[in-house]
Amino acid sequence: MASTIASTAFDRGVSPLLQLVLLDKADAVLSFQPDPALRDRIEVLASKASEGKLSEEERAEYEGYVRANKFIAIIRRQARRLLGAEPQP
């Protein structure tokens, strides 16, 4: 429950700024795809993580990708809202 409250608060805090930034870019944000080499690297790290075989450096790298993915999800959710494809909270 606390993470839902925190997530809602975060959305409320960044929503006005994201609306300004995404206003003319929502379609581009939703169609964005990372390059294949990056996707492959993340898949390798994810596999090693699930097997418990990440080095300390790989774990730090993987955690960075996980944080980036969460950020991208937030931006995409806001883009869908701007296009009317997702309701406001």
N, C-alpha and C. Protein backbone atom coordinates (compact mmCIF):
# COMPACT_ATOMS: atom_id res chain seq x y z
N MET A 1 0.82 -1.20 0.00
CA MET A 1 0.00 0.00 0.00
C MET A 1 0.86 1.26 0.00
N ALA A 2 1.95 1.26 0.77
CA ALA A 2 2.81 2.43 0.83
C ALA A 2 3.41 2.74 -0.53
N SER A 3 3.77 1.68 -1.30
CA SER A 3 4.35 1.94 -2.62
C SER A 3 3.31 2.54 -3.56
N THR A 4 2.03 2.16 -3.41
CA THR A 4 0.97 2.74 -4.23
C THR A 4 0.80 4.21 -3.90
N ILE A 5 0.83 4.55 -2.64
CA ILE A 5 0.73 5.95 -2.22
C ILE A 5 1.92 6.73 -2.75
N ALA A 6 3.12 6.16 -2.61
CA ALA A 6 4.33 6.83 -3.10
C ALA A 6 4.28 6.99 -4.61
N SER A 7 3.80 5.98 -5.32
CA SER A 7 3.70 6.05 -6.77
C SER A 7 2.71 7.12 -7.21
N THR A 8 1.58 7.18 -6.53
CA THR A 8 0.58 8.20 -6.84
C THR A 8 1.13 9.60 -6.58
N ALA A 9 1.83 9.76 -5.46
CA ALA A 9 2.43 11.05 -5.12
C ALA A 9 3.47 11.44 -6.16
N PHE A 10 4.29 10.48 -6.57
CA PHE A 10 5.31 10.75 -7.59
C PHE A 10 4.64 11.19 -8.89
N ASP A 11 3.61 10.45 -9.32
CA ASP A 11 2.89 10.81 -10.55
C ASP A 11 2.32 12.22 -10.46
N ARG A 12 1.71 12.55 -9.33
CA ARG A 12 1.15 13.90 -9.17
C ARG A 12 2.24 14.96 -9.22
N GLY A 13 3.40 14.63 -8.69
CA GLY A 13 4.50 15.60 -8.66
C GLY A 13 5.11 15.86 -10.02
N VAL A 14 5.26 14.82 -10.83
CA VAL A 14 5.94 14.98 -12.12
C VAL A 14 4.98 15.18 -13.29
N SER A 15 3.71 14.88 -13.10
CA SER A 15 2.75 14.96 -14.19
C SER A 15 2.73 16.31 -14.91
N PRO A 16 2.67 17.44 -14.19
CA PRO A 16 2.64 18.73 -14.91
C PRO A 16 3.87 18.95 -15.78
N LEU A 17 5.03 18.56 -15.30
CA LEU A 17 6.25 18.73 -16.10
C LEU A 17 6.25 17.80 -17.30
N LEU A 18 5.88 16.54 -17.08
CA LEU A 18 5.85 15.59 -18.19
C LEU A 18 4.84 16.00 -19.25
N GLN A 19 3.74 16.60 -18.85
CA GLN A 19 2.77 17.08 -19.83
C GLN A 19 3.39 18.13 -20.73
N LEU A 20 4.18 19.02 -20.16
CA LEU A 20 4.86 20.04 -20.96
C LEU A 20 5.86 19.42 -21.92
N VAL A 21 6.64 18.49 -21.43
CA VAL A 21 7.70 17.88 -22.22
C VAL A 21 7.13 16.95 -23.29
N LEU A 22 6.06 16.23 -22.96
CA LEU A 22 5.53 15.21 -23.85
C LEU A 22 4.44 15.69 -24.79
N LEU A 23 3.97 16.89 -24.60
CA LEU A 23 2.80 17.35 -25.34
C LEU A 23 2.85 17.02 -26.83
N ASP A 24 3.96 17.31 -27.48
CA ASP A 24 4.08 17.05 -28.92
C ASP A 24 4.87 15.78 -29.22
N LYS A 25 5.25 15.05 -28.20
CA LYS A 25 6.12 13.89 -28.39
C LYS A 25 5.52 12.57 -27.92
N ALA A 26 4.27 12.56 -27.52
CA ALA A 26 3.67 11.36 -26.93
C ALA A 26 3.75 10.16 -27.87
N ASP A 27 3.45 10.35 -29.15
CA ASP A 27 3.52 9.23 -30.09
C ASP A 27 4.93 8.69 -30.22
N ALA A 28 5.91 9.57 -30.26
CA ALA A 28 7.31 9.15 -30.37
C ALA A 28 7.75 8.38 -29.13
N VAL A 29 7.31 8.83 -27.97
CA VAL A 29 7.66 8.15 -26.73
C VAL A 29 7.09 6.74 -26.73
N LEU A 30 5.85 6.60 -27.15
CA LEU A 30 5.21 5.28 -27.15
C LEU A 30 5.80 4.33 -28.19
N SER A 31 6.35 4.85 -29.26
CA SER A 31 6.93 3.98 -30.28
C SER A 31 8.42 3.73 -30.08
N PHE A 32 9.03 4.38 -29.09
CA PHE A 32 10.46 4.21 -28.83
C PHE A 32 10.80 2.76 -28.48
N GLN A 33 11.88 2.26 -29.06
CA GLN A 33 12.41 0.94 -28.74
C GLN A 33 13.92 1.06 -28.56
N PRO A 34 14.47 0.44 -27.52
CA PRO A 34 15.93 0.48 -27.35
C PRO A 34 16.61 -0.30 -28.47
N ASP A 35 17.86 0.00 -28.70
CA ASP A 35 18.57 -0.70 -29.77
C ASP A 35 18.76 -2.18 -29.39
N PRO A 36 18.86 -3.04 -30.39
CA PRO A 36 18.94 -4.48 -30.13
C PRO A 36 20.13 -4.88 -29.24
N ALA A 37 21.25 -4.21 -29.39
CA ALA A 37 22.42 -4.55 -28.56
C ALA A 37 22.13 -4.30 -27.08
N LEU A 38 21.44 -3.21 -26.78
CA LEU A 38 21.08 -2.92 -25.40
C LEU A 38 20.09 -3.95 -24.87
N ARG A 39 19.09 -4.28 -25.66
CA ARG A 39 18.12 -5.32 -25.24
C ARG A 39 18.82 -6.63 -24.96
N ASP A 40 19.77 -7.00 -25.84
CA ASP A 40 20.51 -8.25 -25.64
C ASP A 40 21.31 -8.21 -24.34
N ARG A 41 21.94 -7.09 -24.06
CA ARG A 41 22.74 -6.96 -22.83
C ARG A 41 21.85 -7.09 -21.60
N ILE A 42 20.71 -6.45 -21.62
CA ILE A 42 19.79 -6.52 -20.49
C ILE A 42 19.30 -7.96 -20.30
N GLU A 43 19.01 -8.65 -21.38
CA GLU A 43 18.57 -10.05 -21.29
C GLU A 43 19.65 -10.94 -20.68
N VAL A 44 20.90 -10.72 -21.06
CA VAL A 44 22.02 -11.49 -20.49
C VAL A 44 22.10 -11.24 -19.00
N LEU A 45 22.04 -9.97 -18.61
CA LEU A 45 22.13 -9.63 -17.19
C LEU A 45 20.94 -10.18 -16.41
N ALA A 46 19.74 -10.10 -17.00
CA ALA A 46 18.54 -10.62 -16.33
C ALA A 46 18.66 -12.13 -16.10
N SER A 47 19.16 -12.82 -17.09
CA SER A 47 19.34 -14.27 -16.97
C SER A 47 20.35 -14.60 -15.87
N LYS A 48 21.46 -13.89 -15.88
CA LYS A 48 22.47 -14.12 -14.84
C LYS A 48 21.93 -13.76 -13.46
N ALA A 49 21.11 -12.72 -13.39
CA ALA A 49 20.53 -12.31 -12.11
C ALA A 49 19.61 -13.40 -11.57
N SER A 50 18.80 -13.98 -12.44
CA SER A 50 17.88 -15.01 -11.98
C SER A 50 18.62 -16.28 -11.55
N GLU A 51 19.82 -16.47 -12.07
CA GLU A 51 20.64 -17.62 -11.69
C GLU A 51 21.56 -17.30 -10.51
N GLY A 52 21.56 -16.04 -10.07
CA GLY A 52 22.43 -15.63 -8.96
C GLY A 52 23.89 -15.58 -9.34
N LYS A 53 24.18 -15.26 -10.61
CA LYS A 53 25.56 -15.30 -11.10
C LYS A 53 26.10 -13.94 -11.54
N LEU A 54 25.51 -12.85 -11.06
CA LEU A 54 26.00 -11.52 -11.42
C LEU A 54 27.22 -11.15 -10.58
N SER A 55 28.21 -10.56 -11.24
CA SER A 55 29.33 -9.99 -10.49
C SER A 55 28.82 -8.69 -9.86
N GLU A 56 29.60 -8.11 -8.98
CA GLU A 56 29.21 -6.85 -8.34
C GLU A 56 29.01 -5.75 -9.38
N GLU A 57 29.90 -5.70 -10.35
CA GLU A 57 29.80 -4.68 -11.40
C GLU A 57 28.57 -4.92 -12.27
N GLU A 58 28.30 -6.17 -12.61
CA GLU A 58 27.12 -6.49 -13.41
C GLU A 58 25.84 -6.18 -12.65
N ARG A 59 25.83 -6.42 -11.36
CA ARG A 59 24.64 -6.13 -10.55
C ARG A 59 24.36 -4.63 -10.58
N ALA A 60 25.40 -3.82 -10.43
CA ALA A 60 25.22 -2.36 -10.47
C ALA A 60 24.69 -1.93 -11.84
N GLU A 61 25.24 -2.51 -12.90
CA GLU A 61 24.77 -2.19 -14.25
C GLU A 61 23.31 -2.58 -14.42
N TYR A 62 22.97 -3.80 -14.00
CA TYR A 62 21.60 -4.29 -14.13
C TYR A 62 20.62 -3.43 -13.33
N GLU A 63 21.00 -3.06 -12.12
CA GLU A 63 20.13 -2.20 -11.30
C GLU A 63 19.90 -0.86 -11.98
N GLY A 64 20.92 -0.35 -12.67
CA GLY A 64 20.75 0.89 -13.44
C GLY A 64 19.73 0.73 -14.55
N TYR A 65 19.77 -0.41 -15.24
CA TYR A 65 18.79 -0.66 -16.29
C TYR A 65 17.38 -0.82 -15.71
N VAL A 66 17.28 -1.45 -14.55
CA VAL A 66 15.97 -1.61 -13.91
C VAL A 66 15.39 -0.24 -13.57
N ARG A 67 16.22 0.65 -13.00
CA ARG A 67 15.75 2.01 -12.68
C ARG A 67 15.34 2.75 -13.94
N ALA A 68 16.14 2.62 -14.99
CA ALA A 68 15.82 3.28 -16.26
C ALA A 68 14.49 2.77 -16.81
N ASN A 69 14.28 1.47 -16.70
CA ASN A 69 13.02 0.89 -17.19
C ASN A 69 11.82 1.43 -16.43
N LYS A 70 11.96 1.60 -15.13
CA LYS A 70 10.87 2.17 -14.33
C LYS A 70 10.58 3.61 -14.77
N PHE A 71 11.64 4.37 -15.02
CA PHE A 71 11.48 5.75 -15.46
C PHE A 71 10.79 5.81 -16.82
N ILE A 72 11.20 4.95 -17.73
CA ILE A 72 10.59 4.90 -19.06
C ILE A 72 9.12 4.52 -18.95
N ALA A 73 8.80 3.59 -18.06
CA ALA A 73 7.39 3.19 -17.86
C ALA A 73 6.55 4.37 -17.39
N ILE A 74 7.11 5.20 -16.51
CA ILE A 74 6.40 6.38 -16.02
C ILE A 74 6.15 7.35 -17.17
N ILE A 75 7.16 7.58 -17.98
CA ILE A 75 7.01 8.50 -19.11
C ILE A 75 5.99 7.96 -20.11
N ARG A 76 6.04 6.67 -20.38
CA ARG A 76 5.08 6.08 -21.32
C ARG A 76 3.66 6.15 -20.78
N ARG A 77 3.49 5.91 -19.49
CA ARG A 77 2.15 6.00 -18.89
C ARG A 77 1.60 7.41 -19.06
N GLN A 78 2.44 8.41 -18.83
CA GLN A 78 2.00 9.80 -18.98
C GLN A 78 1.67 10.10 -20.45
N ALA A 79 2.46 9.56 -21.37
CA ALA A 79 2.19 9.77 -22.80
C ALA A 79 0.84 9.17 -23.18
N ARG A 80 0.54 7.97 -22.67
CA ARG A 80 -0.77 7.36 -22.94
C ARG A 80 -1.90 8.22 -22.38
N ARG A 81 -1.69 8.80 -21.21
CA ARG A 81 -2.70 9.68 -20.63
C ARG A 81 -2.93 10.90 -21.50
N LEU A 82 -1.85 11.48 -22.01
CA LEU A 82 -1.99 12.65 -22.88
C LEU A 82 -2.76 12.31 -24.14
N LEU A 83 -2.64 11.10 -24.60
CA LEU A 83 -3.35 10.68 -25.81
C LEU A 83 -4.74 10.14 -25.51
N GLY A 84 -5.10 10.14 -24.21
CA GLY A 84 -6.42 9.68 -23.81
C GLY A 84 -6.55 8.17 -23.76
N ALA A 85 -5.43 7.45 -23.79
CA ALA A 85 -5.48 5.99 -23.79
C ALA A 85 -5.42 5.39 -22.38
N GLU A 86 -5.21 6.23 -21.38
CA GLU A 86 -5.16 5.75 -20.00
C GLU A 86 -5.78 6.80 -19.09
N PRO A 87 -6.63 6.39 -18.18
CA PRO A 87 -7.29 7.36 -17.29
C PRO A 87 -6.32 7.99 -16.30
N GLN A 88 -6.63 9.19 -15.87
CA GLN A 88 -5.86 9.85 -14.81
C GLN A 88 -6.13 9.15 -13.48
N PRO A 89 -5.14 9.13 -12.58
CA PRO A 89 -5.37 8.48 -11.27
C PRO A 89 -6.32 9.27 -10.41
